[in-house]
Every structure is written in structure tokens, then in C-alpha cells.
Amino acid sequence: MTTTPRPAGAPMRLGLALPQYGALADPAAVPRFATAAESLGFASLWVGDRVLAPRAPSDRYPGGGTPEHPYPREFETFADPFTTLAAAAAVTRTARLGTSALTGPVYSPVLLARALTSLDLASSGRLDVGFGLGWLREEYFATGVPWADRGLRLEELLDALDALWTGDPAEHEGPQWRIAPSTVGLRPAQQPRPPVLLGGFSPPALARVGRRADGWLAGWMPERYLTGLWSVALEAAEKAGRDPGALRRVLRINPRPGTAVEAVADVHPCLDVARELGISEVLVDLHFVAKDVGHALDLAAELAGG
């Protein structure tokens, strides 16, 4: 098993990152941006997650960090993902709203379930919940969470969220959290829960996608890695008795400064490859090439028109 095509006749969806960080970190501009993006035909709108930007981080950004610049300077200014999604939910009607991705283990499942359920209800059932492990250990230290065993902590977070979304009464007992049997009156609009997508670029991460997620938050990489890692998820789903064909792939593309026509022209060949691979959806993030929110909308219009 190497690939799962989209259902026959289903077009690949095109999504866009909401203005959230760097020069685009303007929470007041989110409603205008979201309204325009939806009118341009973008099928989904996404946020990311960054807790802090340490001056001397222990880890470099895996997307190209160097000793001089361990992470993109855009990460130094980062708006809250939940507030950003709430602002977009209030002014959109059809676009799905997603997180790509929350650093799952640093969150309390009780508080997270309340926030995500509220967002799903506010958007009338348009929320896609994406989690990853993150790459920066200082974010774990700053939130009081151990860096070790973060994969196990993510597994337990998913267990606890399922209990809070579907249990009656809701309860959970695990190594990290104990949730006493409780009445939870607030339930997601999507039943039994919003779709859960997981990021990651290792075989164990993709096996977790196959075992218990609704899809993979992938990043742009050579085709052989995309297909090879995807096969791990498909095989894990089959072994777990799940339908591999039901899994989604959301492929993130981050154009970089210096590409042709301010990055937009260079996105289209990537979209062609994604279609050939049967990718469910492509998320384009313009934060590294747009000068401001208005410029990002101009680039989004070019992308939608191409």
C-alpha cells in the first residue's frame, strides 16, 4: 500500500493560513482576511501554534534553522490560535477552520476540550483539530511540561479528549491526568467529535496517524518520502481494523522569499504533484513572503486565480 486516492470526482481542496504571525500578526485584520479568502474560494483556513521564541533555543527549527537564525524571525510575533480561529468563525460560513498544528502535549485536555468544542459550535461544525509534538523544548519547560515521553503524553491527550467529547459521564484516569466522572453539557457540533489530524515526519508518528487519527498533516518534502511515510499510516490503519481509504492528507506548502512571482507561481507545480499523489488538501502559508495582510490577500487572489 503506497497511496490512497481521493474519492472519484472529489477535487483537491485548497486552504490558506490565516494572518497570525510575523508581519501578518494583526488580530484585528483576521475578519477581513477570512471573509476575503472565503469569497476567493479557499476551502479552509488554518492557524499554527508558537508559545515563545527563546533567545538561545536548545533546538533549531527543522524547516531550515541555522546557528545564526535557529528559527524564522517571523516566529517572534505570534497571535493566539484560538482567538484567531474564533474571529474567522464569526465571519465565515463554508470554509473549514483548522489547526496546523497545536503542540498537543503542552495543553490540559479539560481546558483544550472546552476551547475546541466552543470553536466547533461557533463555526457550526467546521473545525479540524490538528496536533503535533512540536520541536522546541523551551516551550515545554515554559508550560511546565516534561520534554521526555511527549509522544505518550499526546496519546493520553487524545484519550482524554475522546472521553470529554463522548463520555457520559466523562472521565479519564492516566499517568498525566485524572478527570473525575463529570457531566459535560457542551458537546461538539460534529459527532462524535471534530476530525483529528496529526503531524509528524517519522514512522512512529505516521503509525499513530493510522491507528487513531482521521488524517496526516504533512509538510512539503520529496515525493518518495511523502509516499513512503504515507504507506506507514495506511498499513497501521489496516492492522488496527480501520479503513485506510478514509484517511486524509493535508499538505502544507510554505513559499519562501526569492521564489518566482513572489512565490505564487512556484506553488502551482507543487499543486500538480499533490493532485497526482491523491492529496486531499493543500494548505498554503504566505507568512514568509507577504509584507502585510493586504499583500497576503493580493497573493491569495493570484493563487486562487491560477
C-alpha atoms as a PDB file:
ATOM      1  CA  MET A   1       0.000   0.000   0.000  1.00  0.00           C
ATOM      2  CA  THR A   2       1.585   3.286  -1.068  1.00  0.00           C
ATOM      3  CA  THR A   3      -1.171   5.790  -1.689  1.00  0.00           C
ATOM      4  CA  THR A   4      -4.847   6.424  -1.152  1.00  0.00           C
ATOM      5  CA  PRO A   5      -6.501   8.497  -3.865  1.00  0.00           C
ATOM      6  CA  ARG A   6      -9.256  10.952  -3.196  1.00  0.00           C
ATOM      7  CA  PRO A   7     -12.752   9.613  -3.830  1.00  0.00           C
ATOM      8  CA  ALA A   8     -13.557   9.570  -7.540  1.00  0.00           C
ATOM      9  CA  GLY A   9     -14.547  13.012  -8.720  1.00  0.00           C
ATOM     10  CA  ALA A  10     -13.521  14.759  -5.496  1.00  0.00           C
ATOM     11  CA  PRO A  11     -11.365  17.828  -6.247  1.00  0.00           C
ATOM     12  CA  MET A  12      -8.316  18.631  -4.178  1.00  0.00           C
ATOM     13  CA  ARG A  13      -9.200  21.336  -1.668  1.00  0.00           C
ATOM     14  CA  LEU A  14      -7.079  24.479  -1.353  1.00  0.00           C
ATOM     15  CA  GLY A  15      -6.597  26.070   2.061  1.00  0.00           C
ATOM     16  CA  LEU A  16      -4.879  29.192   3.314  1.00  0.00           C
ATOM     17  CA  ALA A  17      -3.134  30.154   6.557  1.00  0.00           C
ATOM     18  CA  LEU A  18      -4.846  32.966   8.453  1.00  0.00           C
ATOM     19  CA  PRO A  19      -2.729  36.061   9.255  1.00  0.00           C
ATOM     20  CA  GLN A  20      -1.257  35.172  12.627  1.00  0.00           C
ATOM     21  CA  TYR A  21       2.492  35.724  12.913  1.00  0.00           C
ATOM     22  CA  GLY A  22       5.377  37.881  11.769  1.00  0.00           C
ATOM     23  CA  ALA A  23       4.383  40.923   9.714  1.00  0.00           C
ATOM     24  CA  LEU A  24       0.876  39.467   9.373  1.00  0.00           C
ATOM     25  CA  ALA A  25       0.222  39.227  13.128  1.00  0.00           C
ATOM     26  CA  ASP A  26      -2.753  41.590  13.218  1.00  0.00           C
ATOM     27  CA  PRO A  27      -5.712  40.047  15.079  1.00  0.00           C
ATOM     28  CA  ALA A  28      -7.968  42.942  14.071  1.00  0.00           C
ATOM     29  CA  ALA A  29      -7.388  42.080  10.390  1.00  0.00           C
ATOM     30  CA  VAL A  30      -8.446  38.432  10.690  1.00  0.00           C
ATOM     31  CA  PRO A  31     -12.176  39.015   9.941  1.00  0.00           C
ATOM     32  CA  ARG A  32     -11.361  40.977   6.764  1.00  0.00           C
ATOM     33  CA  PHE A  33      -8.827  38.388   5.633  1.00  0.00           C
ATOM     34  CA  ALA A  34     -11.093  35.406   6.368  1.00  0.00           C
ATOM     35  CA  THR A  35     -14.060  36.951   4.567  1.00  0.00           C
ATOM     36  CA  ALA A  36     -11.947  37.724   1.503  1.00  0.00           C
ATOM     37  CA  ALA A  37     -10.310  34.293   1.465  1.00  0.00           C
ATOM     38  CA  GLU A  38     -13.650  32.523   1.617  1.00  0.00           C
ATOM     39  CA  SER A  39     -15.018  34.699  -1.207  1.00  0.00           C
ATOM     40  CA  LEU A  40     -11.934  33.797  -3.292  1.00  0.00           C
ATOM     41  CA  GLY A  41     -12.917  30.139  -2.962  1.00  0.00           C
ATOM     42  CA  PHE A  42     -10.455  28.854  -0.373  1.00  0.00           C
ATOM     43  CA  ALA A  43     -11.983  25.786   1.210  1.00  0.00           C
ATOM     44  CA  SER A  44     -10.208  26.010   4.564  1.00  0.00           C
ATOM     45  CA  LEU A  45      -8.439  28.485   6.834  1.00  0.00           C
ATOM     46  CA  TRP A  46      -5.701  27.476   9.267  1.00  0.00           C
ATOM     47  CA  VAL A  47      -3.708  28.604  12.287  1.00  0.00           C
ATOM     48  CA  GLY A  48      -0.420  27.443  13.782  1.00  0.00           C
ATOM     49  CA  ASP A  49       0.946  27.409  17.312  1.00  0.00           C
ATOM     50  CA  ARG A  50       4.052  29.002  18.814  1.00  0.00           C
ATOM     51  CA  VAL A  51       4.367  29.525  22.561  1.00  0.00           C
ATOM     52  CA  LEU A  52       7.572  31.574  22.787  1.00  0.00           C
ATOM     53  CA  ALA A  53      10.780  32.496  20.961  1.00  0.00           C
ATOM     54  CA  PRO A  54      13.788  31.933  23.258  1.00  0.00           C
ATOM     55  CA  ARG A  55      16.936  33.951  22.564  1.00  0.00           C
ATOM     56  CA  ALA A  56      19.162  30.857  22.783  1.00  0.00           C
ATOM     57  CA  PRO A  57      16.957  27.856  21.959  1.00  0.00           C
ATOM     58  CA  SER A  58      18.025  24.284  22.572  1.00  0.00           C
ATOM     59  CA  ASP A  59      16.676  23.224  19.193  1.00  0.00           C
ATOM     60  CA  ARG A  60      16.718  24.607  15.666  1.00  0.00           C
ATOM     61  CA  TYR A  61      13.630  24.896  13.521  1.00  0.00           C
ATOM     62  CA  PRO A  62      13.504  21.696  11.431  1.00  0.00           C
ATOM     63  CA  GLY A  63      12.370  23.707   8.416  1.00  0.00           C
ATOM     64  CA  GLY A  64      15.773  25.305   7.929  1.00  0.00           C
ATOM     65  CA  GLY A  65      17.132  26.694  11.211  1.00  0.00           C
ATOM     66  CA  THR A  66      20.802  27.705  11.307  1.00  0.00           C
ATOM     67  CA  PRO A  67      23.187  28.630  14.157  1.00  0.00           C
ATOM     68  CA  GLU A  68      22.719  32.316  13.260  1.00  0.00           C
ATOM     69  CA  HIS A  69      18.939  32.053  12.842  1.00  0.00           C
ATOM     70  CA  PRO A  70      17.702  28.964  14.733  1.00  0.00           C
ATOM     71  CA  TYR A  71      14.122  29.716  13.767  1.00  0.00           C
ATOM     72  CA  PRO A  72      12.401  32.202  11.422  1.00  0.00           C
ATOM     73  CA  ARG A  73      12.247  35.712  12.851  1.00  0.00           C
ATOM     74  CA  GLU A  74       8.555  35.731  11.981  1.00  0.00           C
ATOM     75  CA  PHE A  75       8.024  33.381  14.953  1.00  0.00           C
ATOM     76  CA  GLU A  76       8.945  36.187  17.366  1.00  0.00           C
ATOM     77  CA  THR A  77       5.449  37.687  16.954  1.00  0.00           C
ATOM     78  CA  PHE A  78       2.661  35.125  17.167  1.00  0.00           C
ATOM     79  CA  ALA A  79      -1.053  35.636  17.858  1.00  0.00           C
ATOM     80  CA  ASP A  80      -3.137  33.167  19.845  1.00  0.00           C
ATOM     81  CA  PRO A  81      -4.542  30.358  17.651  1.00  0.00           C
ATOM     82  CA  PHE A  82      -7.891  30.074  19.445  1.00  0.00           C
ATOM     83  CA  THR A  83      -8.632  33.807  19.269  1.00  0.00           C
ATOM     84  CA  THR A  84      -7.649  33.853  15.603  1.00  0.00           C
ATOM     85  CA  LEU A  85      -9.960  30.946  14.747  1.00  0.00           C
ATOM     86  CA  ALA A  86     -12.827  32.458  16.734  1.00  0.00           C
ATOM     87  CA  ALA A  87     -12.513  35.702  14.762  1.00  0.00           C
ATOM     88  CA  ALA A  88     -12.586  33.749  11.489  1.00  0.00           C
ATOM     89  CA  ALA A  89     -15.503  31.565  12.611  1.00  0.00           C
ATOM     90  CA  ALA A  90     -17.645  34.638  13.252  1.00  0.00           C
ATOM     91  CA  VAL A  91     -17.435  35.926   9.667  1.00  0.00           C
ATOM     92  CA  THR A  92     -17.258  32.767   7.524  1.00  0.00           C
ATOM     93  CA  ARG A  93     -19.926  30.271   6.553  1.00  0.00           C
ATOM     94  CA  THR A  94     -18.416  27.499   4.430  1.00  0.00           C
ATOM     95  CA  ALA A  95     -14.638  27.358   4.904  1.00  0.00           C
ATOM     96  CA  ARG A  96     -13.401  24.750   7.336  1.00  0.00           C
ATOM     97  CA  LEU A  97     -11.207  26.002  10.174  1.00  0.00           C
ATOM     98  CA  GLY A  98      -8.146  24.050  11.230  1.00  0.00           C
ATOM     99  CA  THR A  99      -5.106  23.964  13.473  1.00  0.00           C
ATOM    100  CA  SER A 100      -1.815  23.017  11.831  1.00  0.00           C
ATOM    101  CA  ALA A 101      -0.807  22.270  14.381  1.00  0.00           C
ATOM    102  CA  LEU A 102      -1.340  22.757  18.103  1.00  0.00           C
ATOM    103  CA  THR A 103       1.548  21.485  20.216  1.00  0.00           C
ATOM    104  CA  GLY A 104      -0.745  18.996  21.890  1.00  0.00           C
ATOM    105  CA  PRO A 105       1.243  17.825  24.937  1.00  0.00           C
ATOM    106  CA  VAL A 106       1.595  21.331  26.417  1.00  0.00           C
ATOM    107  CA  TYR A 107      -2.182  21.676  26.868  1.00  0.00           C
ATOM    108  CA  SER A 108      -4.531  20.495  29.589  1.00  0.00           C
ATOM    109  CA  PRO A 109      -7.176  18.230  27.982  1.00  0.00           C
ATOM    110  CA  VAL A 110     -10.019  19.701  30.067  1.00  0.00           C
ATOM    111  CA  LEU A 111      -9.292  23.291  29.041  1.00  0.00           C
ATOM    112  CA  LEU A 112      -8.474  22.249  25.487  1.00  0.00           C
ATOM    113  CA  ALA A 113     -11.723  20.293  25.077  1.00  0.00           C
ATOM    114  CA  ARG A 114     -13.715  23.315  26.265  1.00  0.00           C
ATOM    115  CA  ALA A 115     -11.981  25.655  23.804  1.00  0.00           C
ATOM    116  CA  LEU A 116     -12.183  23.304  20.830  1.00  0.00           C
ATOM    117  CA  THR A 117     -15.807  22.365  21.484  1.00  0.00           C
ATOM    118  CA  SER A 118     -16.700  26.048  21.694  1.00  0.00           C
ATOM    119  CA  LEU A 119     -14.952  26.684  18.364  1.00  0.00           C
ATOM    120  CA  ASP A 120     -16.725  23.770  16.711  1.00  0.00           C
ATOM    121  CA  LEU A 121     -20.076  25.120  17.886  1.00  0.00           C
ATOM    122  CA  ALA A 122     -19.217  28.707  16.929  1.00  0.00           C
ATOM    123  CA  SER A 123     -18.366  27.546  13.406  1.00  0.00           C
ATOM    124  CA  SER A 124     -21.431  25.274  13.100  1.00  0.00           C
ATOM    125  CA  GLY A 125     -19.272  22.160  12.871  1.00  0.00           C
ATOM    126  CA  ARG A 126     -16.406  23.332  10.641  1.00  0.00           C
ATOM    127  CA  LEU A 127     -13.435  22.608  12.907  1.00  0.00           C
ATOM    128  CA  ASP A 128     -10.499  20.320  12.066  1.00  0.00           C
ATOM    129  CA  VAL A 129      -8.252  19.699  15.072  1.00  0.00           C
ATOM    130  CA  GLY A 130      -4.585  19.192  14.221  1.00  0.00           C
ATOM    131  CA  PHE A 131      -1.930  18.219  16.761  1.00  0.00           C
ATOM    132  CA  GLY A 132       1.813  17.800  16.671  1.00  0.00           C
ATOM    133  CA  LEU A 133       4.603  17.277  19.186  1.00  0.00           C
ATOM    134  CA  GLY A 134       6.429  20.487  18.357  1.00  0.00           C
ATOM    135  CA  TRP A 135      10.202  20.797  18.111  1.00  0.00           C
ATOM    136  CA  LEU A 136      11.185  23.360  20.750  1.00  0.00           C
ATOM    137  CA  ARG A 137      11.797  22.015  24.232  1.00  0.00           C
ATOM    138  CA  GLU A 138      11.735  25.508  25.819  1.00  0.00           C
ATOM    139  CA  GLU A 139       8.011  25.621  25.036  1.00  0.00           C
ATOM    140  CA  TYR A 140       7.563  22.523  27.164  1.00  0.00           C
ATOM    141  CA  PHE A 141       9.666  23.928  30.006  1.00  0.00           C
ATOM    142  CA  ALA A 142       7.764  27.245  29.931  1.00  0.00           C
ATOM    143  CA  THR A 143       4.405  25.478  30.237  1.00  0.00           C
ATOM    144  CA  GLY A 144       5.564  23.133  32.986  1.00  0.00           C
ATOM    145  CA  VAL A 145       5.502  20.003  30.829  1.00  0.00           C
ATOM    146  CA  PRO A 146       8.362  17.462  30.598  1.00  0.00           C
ATOM    147  CA  TRP A 147      10.034  17.042  27.223  1.00  0.00           C
ATOM    148  CA  ALA A 148      10.548  13.321  27.777  1.00  0.00           C
ATOM    149  CA  ASP A 149       7.754  10.917  26.765  1.00  0.00           C
ATOM    150  CA  ARG A 150       5.918  13.612  24.824  1.00  0.00           C
ATOM    151  CA  GLY A 151       4.622  11.017  22.363  1.00  0.00           C
ATOM    152  CA  LEU A 152       2.972   9.097  25.204  1.00  0.00           C
ATOM    153  CA  ARG A 153       1.559  12.351  26.540  1.00  0.00           C
ATOM    154  CA  LEU A 154      -0.016  13.071  23.146  1.00  0.00           C
ATOM    155  CA  GLU A 155      -1.559   9.593  23.134  1.00  0.00           C
ATOM    156  CA  GLU A 156      -3.102  10.228  26.537  1.00  0.00           C
ATOM    157  CA  LEU A 157      -4.296  13.670  25.471  1.00  0.00           C
ATOM    158  CA  LEU A 158      -6.214  12.049  22.618  1.00  0.00           C
ATOM    159  CA  ASP A 159      -7.712   9.523  25.038  1.00  0.00           C
ATOM    160  CA  ALA A 160      -8.800  12.265  27.425  1.00  0.00           C
ATOM    161  CA  LEU A 161     -10.287  14.401  24.642  1.00  0.00           C
ATOM    162  CA  ASP A 162     -12.290  11.430  23.356  1.00  0.00           C
ATOM    163  CA  ALA A 163     -13.629  10.895  26.877  1.00  0.00           C
ATOM    164  CA  LEU A 164     -14.583  14.565  27.251  1.00  0.00           C
ATOM    165  CA  TRP A 165     -16.224  14.682  23.820  1.00  0.00           C
ATOM    166  CA  THR A 166     -18.131  11.407  24.005  1.00  0.00           C
ATOM    167  CA  GLY A 167     -18.282  10.122  27.604  1.00  0.00           C
ATOM    168  CA  ASP A 168     -21.441  10.266  29.709  1.00  0.00           C
ATOM    169  CA  PRO A 169     -20.261  10.863  32.329  1.00  0.00           C
ATOM    170  CA  ALA A 170     -16.874  11.976  31.034  1.00  0.00           C
ATOM    171  CA  GLU A 171     -13.943  10.515  32.944  1.00  0.00           C
ATOM    172  CA  HIS A 172     -10.306   9.620  32.446  1.00  0.00           C
ATOM    173  CA  GLU A 173      -7.570   8.031  34.522  1.00  0.00           C
ATOM    174  CA  GLY A 174      -4.000   8.082  33.228  1.00  0.00           C
ATOM    175  CA  PRO A 175      -0.391   8.774  34.149  1.00  0.00           C
ATOM    176  CA  GLN A 176      -0.703  12.517  33.418  1.00  0.00           C
ATOM    177  CA  TRP A 177      -4.295  13.462  34.113  1.00  0.00           C
ATOM    178  CA  ARG A 178      -7.167  12.299  36.289  1.00  0.00           C
ATOM    179  CA  ILE A 179     -10.607  13.537  35.296  1.00  0.00           C
ATOM    180  CA  ALA A 180     -13.257  12.620  37.841  1.00  0.00           C
ATOM    181  CA  PRO A 181     -16.598  11.391  36.432  1.00  0.00           C
ATOM    182  CA  SER A 182     -18.181  14.649  35.299  1.00  0.00           C
ATOM    183  CA  THR A 183     -21.165  15.998  33.457  1.00  0.00           C
ATOM    184  CA  VAL A 184     -20.077  17.792  30.290  1.00  0.00           C
ATOM    185  CA  GLY A 185     -23.057  19.554  28.779  1.00  0.00           C
ATOM    186  CA  LEU A 186     -21.130  21.252  25.976  1.00  0.00           C
ATOM    187  CA  ARG A 187     -20.788  18.835  23.059  1.00  0.00           C
ATOM    188  CA  PRO A 188     -19.228  19.391  19.629  1.00  0.00           C
ATOM    189  CA  ALA A 189     -21.477  20.129  16.658  1.00  0.00           C
ATOM    190  CA  GLN A 190     -19.670  17.337  14.769  1.00  0.00           C
ATOM    191  CA  GLN A 191     -20.456  13.926  16.141  1.00  0.00           C
ATOM    192  CA  PRO A 192     -18.916  12.070  17.773  1.00  0.00           C
ATOM    193  CA  ARG A 193     -16.121  14.685  17.667  1.00  0.00           C
ATOM    194  CA  PRO A 194     -14.313  17.035  15.300  1.00  0.00           C
ATOM    195  CA  PRO A 195     -11.874  15.327  12.917  1.00  0.00           C
ATOM    196  CA  VAL A 196      -8.424  14.901  14.475  1.00  0.00           C
ATOM    197  CA  LEU A 197      -5.339  15.221  12.267  1.00  0.00           C
ATOM    198  CA  LEU A 198      -1.796  14.532  13.424  1.00  0.00           C
ATOM    199  CA  GLY A 199       1.515  15.892  12.207  1.00  0.00           C
ATOM    200  CA  GLY A 200       4.892  14.195  12.233  1.00  0.00           C
ATOM    201  CA  PHE A 201       7.659  13.011   9.939  1.00  0.00           C
ATOM    202  CA  SER A 202       8.802   9.731  11.477  1.00  0.00           C
ATOM    203  CA  PRO A 203       7.466   6.177  11.146  1.00  0.00           C
ATOM    204  CA  PRO A 204       6.147   6.137  14.755  1.00  0.00           C
ATOM    205  CA  ALA A 205       4.265   9.400  14.115  1.00  0.00           C
ATOM    206  CA  LEU A 206       2.711   8.020  10.925  1.00  0.00           C
ATOM    207  CA  ALA A 207       1.802   4.772  12.673  1.00  0.00           C
ATOM    208  CA  ARG A 208      -0.063   6.889  15.244  1.00  0.00           C
ATOM    209  CA  VAL A 209      -1.926   8.614  12.394  1.00  0.00           C
ATOM    210  CA  GLY A 210      -3.016   5.248  11.042  1.00  0.00           C
ATOM    211  CA  ARG A 211      -4.022   3.836  14.410  1.00  0.00           C
ATOM    212  CA  ARG A 212      -6.143   6.654  15.714  1.00  0.00           C
ATOM    213  CA  ALA A 213      -6.348   9.849  13.640  1.00  0.00           C
ATOM    214  CA  ASP A 214      -8.511  10.996  10.765  1.00  0.00           C
ATOM    215  CA  GLY A 215      -5.559  12.128   8.706  1.00  0.00           C
ATOM    216  CA  TRP A 216      -1.987  13.407   8.418  1.00  0.00           C
ATOM    217  CA  LEU A 217      -0.751  16.985   8.498  1.00  0.00           C
ATOM    218  CA  ALA A 218       2.150  16.643   6.093  1.00  0.00           C
ATOM    219  CA  GLY A 219       4.807  19.130   5.033  1.00  0.00           C
ATOM    220  CA  TRP A 220       6.263  19.563   1.565  1.00  0.00           C
ATOM    221  CA  MET A 221       9.027  17.019   1.005  1.00  0.00           C
ATOM    222  CA  PRO A 222      10.392  14.869  -1.829  1.00  0.00           C
ATOM    223  CA  GLU A 223       7.762  12.589  -3.307  1.00  0.00           C
ATOM    224  CA  ARG A 224       9.491   9.384  -2.197  1.00  0.00           C
ATOM    225  CA  TYR A 225       9.276  10.484   1.450  1.00  0.00           C
ATOM    226  CA  LEU A 226       5.655  11.559   1.135  1.00  0.00           C
ATOM    227  CA  THR A 227       4.630   8.217  -0.288  1.00  0.00           C
ATOM    228  CA  GLY A 228       6.908   6.174   1.957  1.00  0.00           C
ATOM    229  CA  LEU A 229       5.672   7.735   5.183  1.00  0.00           C
ATOM    230  CA  TRP A 230       2.074   7.606   3.980  1.00  0.00           C
ATOM    231  CA  SER A 231       2.385   3.872   3.436  1.00  0.00           C
ATOM    232  CA  VAL A 232       3.252   3.509   7.134  1.00  0.00           C
ATOM    233  CA  ALA A 233      -0.015   5.215   8.089  1.00  0.00           C
ATOM    234  CA  LEU A 234      -2.059   3.127   5.677  1.00  0.00           C
ATOM    235  CA  GLU A 235      -0.576  -0.131   6.910  1.00  0.00           C
ATOM    236  CA  ALA A 236      -1.093   0.870  10.551  1.00  0.00           C
ATOM    237  CA  ALA A 237      -4.731   1.708   9.841  1.00  0.00           C
ATOM    238  CA  GLU A 238      -5.277  -1.650   8.184  1.00  0.00           C
ATOM    239  CA  LYS A 239      -3.672  -3.513  11.106  1.00  0.00           C
ATOM    240  CA  ALA A 240      -5.896  -1.585  13.528  1.00  0.00           C
ATOM    241  CA  GLY A 241      -9.012  -2.622  11.628  1.00  0.00           C
ATOM    242  CA  ARG A 242      -9.630   0.881  10.297  1.00  0.00           C
ATOM    243  CA  ASP A 243     -10.404   1.932   6.726  1.00  0.00           C
ATOM    244  CA  PRO A 244      -7.167   3.277   5.169  1.00  0.00           C
ATOM    245  CA  GLY A 245      -9.186   4.917   2.421  1.00  0.00           C
ATOM    246  CA  ALA A 246     -10.891   7.196   4.943  1.00  0.00           C
ATOM    247  CA  LEU A 247      -7.635   8.879   5.983  1.00  0.00           C
ATOM    248  CA  ARG A 248      -6.963  12.428   4.779  1.00  0.00           C
ATOM    249  CA  ARG A 249      -3.708  14.140   3.869  1.00  0.00           C
ATOM    250  CA  VAL A 250      -3.353  17.887   4.297  1.00  0.00           C
ATOM    251  CA  LEU A 251      -0.104  19.005   2.668  1.00  0.00           C
ATOM    252  CA  ARG A 252       1.410  22.266   3.903  1.00  0.00           C
ATOM    253  CA  ILE A 253       3.381  24.443   1.470  1.00  0.00           C
ATOM    254  CA  ASN A 254       5.382  27.392   2.838  1.00  0.00           C
ATOM    255  CA  PRO A 255       6.677  29.503  -0.057  1.00  0.00           C
ATOM    256  CA  ARG A 256       9.951  31.234   0.765  1.00  0.00           C
ATOM    257  CA  PRO A 257      11.271  34.680  -0.187  1.00  0.00           C
ATOM    258  CA  GLY A 258      13.068  34.853  -3.500  1.00  0.00           C
ATOM    259  CA  THR A 259      10.857  32.430  -5.406  1.00  0.00           C
ATOM    260  CA  ALA A 260       9.308  33.398  -8.712  1.00  0.00           C
ATOM    261  CA  VAL A 261       6.499  35.948  -8.781  1.00  0.00           C
ATOM    262  CA  GLU A 262       6.714  36.361  -5.022  1.00  0.00           C
ATOM    263  CA  ALA A 263       6.250  32.623  -4.515  1.00  0.00           C
ATOM    264  CA  VAL A 264       2.823  32.164  -6.054  1.00  0.00           C
ATOM    265  CA  ALA A 265       3.984  30.890  -9.439  1.00  0.00           C
ATOM    266  CA  ASP A 266       6.200  28.286  -7.797  1.00  0.00           C
ATOM    267  CA  VAL A 267       3.275  26.887  -5.804  1.00  0.00           C
ATOM    268  CA  HIS A 268       1.426  25.607  -8.869  1.00  0.00           C
ATOM    269  CA  PRO A 269       3.883  22.801  -9.765  1.00  0.00           C
ATOM    270  CA  CYS A 270       3.602  21.619  -6.160  1.00  0.00           C
ATOM    271  CA  LEU A 271      -0.179  21.577  -6.512  1.00  0.00           C
ATOM    272  CA  ASP A 272       0.139  19.448  -9.644  1.00  0.00           C
ATOM    273  CA  VAL A 273       2.285  16.906  -7.779  1.00  0.00           C
ATOM    274  CA  ALA A 274      -0.198  16.865  -4.900  1.00  0.00           C
ATOM    275  CA  ARG A 275      -3.058  16.106  -7.271  1.00  0.00           C
ATOM    276  CA  GLU A 276      -1.137  13.243  -8.850  1.00  0.00           C
ATOM    277  CA  LEU A 277      -0.496  11.779  -5.391  1.00  0.00           C
ATOM    278  CA  GLY A 278      -4.158  11.954  -4.408  1.00  0.00           C
ATOM    279  CA  ILE A 279      -3.591  14.527  -1.660  1.00  0.00           C
ATOM    280  CA  SER A 280      -6.884  15.523  -0.027  1.00  0.00           C
ATOM    281  CA  GLU A 281      -5.995  19.149   0.582  1.00  0.00           C
ATOM    282  CA  VAL A 282      -3.144  21.642   0.268  1.00  0.00           C
ATOM    283  CA  LEU A 283      -2.584  24.388   2.826  1.00  0.00           C
ATOM    284  CA  VAL A 284      -0.591  27.380   1.543  1.00  0.00           C
ATOM    285  CA  ASP A 285       1.092  29.589   4.149  1.00  0.00           C
ATOM    286  CA  LEU A 286       2.124  33.018   2.823  1.00  0.00           C
ATOM    287  CA  HIS A 287       3.658  34.390   6.033  1.00  0.00           C
ATOM    288  CA  PHE A 288       7.243  34.221   4.759  1.00  0.00           C
ATOM    289  CA  VAL A 289       6.581  36.116   1.512  1.00  0.00           C
ATOM    290  CA  ALA A 290       3.804  38.610   2.286  1.00  0.00           C
ATOM    291  CA  LYS A 291       4.765  42.083   3.501  1.00  0.00           C
ATOM    292  CA  ASP A 292       1.453  42.714   5.275  1.00  0.00           C
ATOM    293  CA  VAL A 293      -2.135  41.466   5.346  1.00  0.00           C
ATOM    294  CA  GLY A 294      -3.113  43.393   2.219  1.00  0.00           C
ATOM    295  CA  HIS A 295      -0.178  41.934   0.305  1.00  0.00           C
ATOM    296  CA  ALA A 296      -1.111  38.437   1.540  1.00  0.00           C
ATOM    297  CA  LEU A 297      -4.609  38.908   0.119  1.00  0.00           C
ATOM    298  CA  ASP A 298      -3.168  40.026  -3.221  1.00  0.00           C
ATOM    299  CA  LEU A 299      -1.017  36.876  -3.346  1.00  0.00           C
ATOM    300  CA  ALA A 300      -4.002  34.732  -2.302  1.00  0.00           C
ATOM    301  CA  ALA A 301      -6.044  36.205  -5.162  1.00  0.00           C
ATOM    302  CA  GLU A 302      -3.261  35.309  -7.622  1.00  0.00           C
ATOM    303  CA  LEU A 303      -3.111  31.809  -6.208  1.00  0.00           C
ATOM    304  CA  ALA A 304      -6.881  31.331  -6.386  1.00  0.00           C
ATOM    305  CA  GLY A 305      -6.984  32.681  -9.933  1.00  0.00           C
ATOM    306  CA  GLY A 306      -4.238  30.362 -11.164  1.00  0.00           C
END
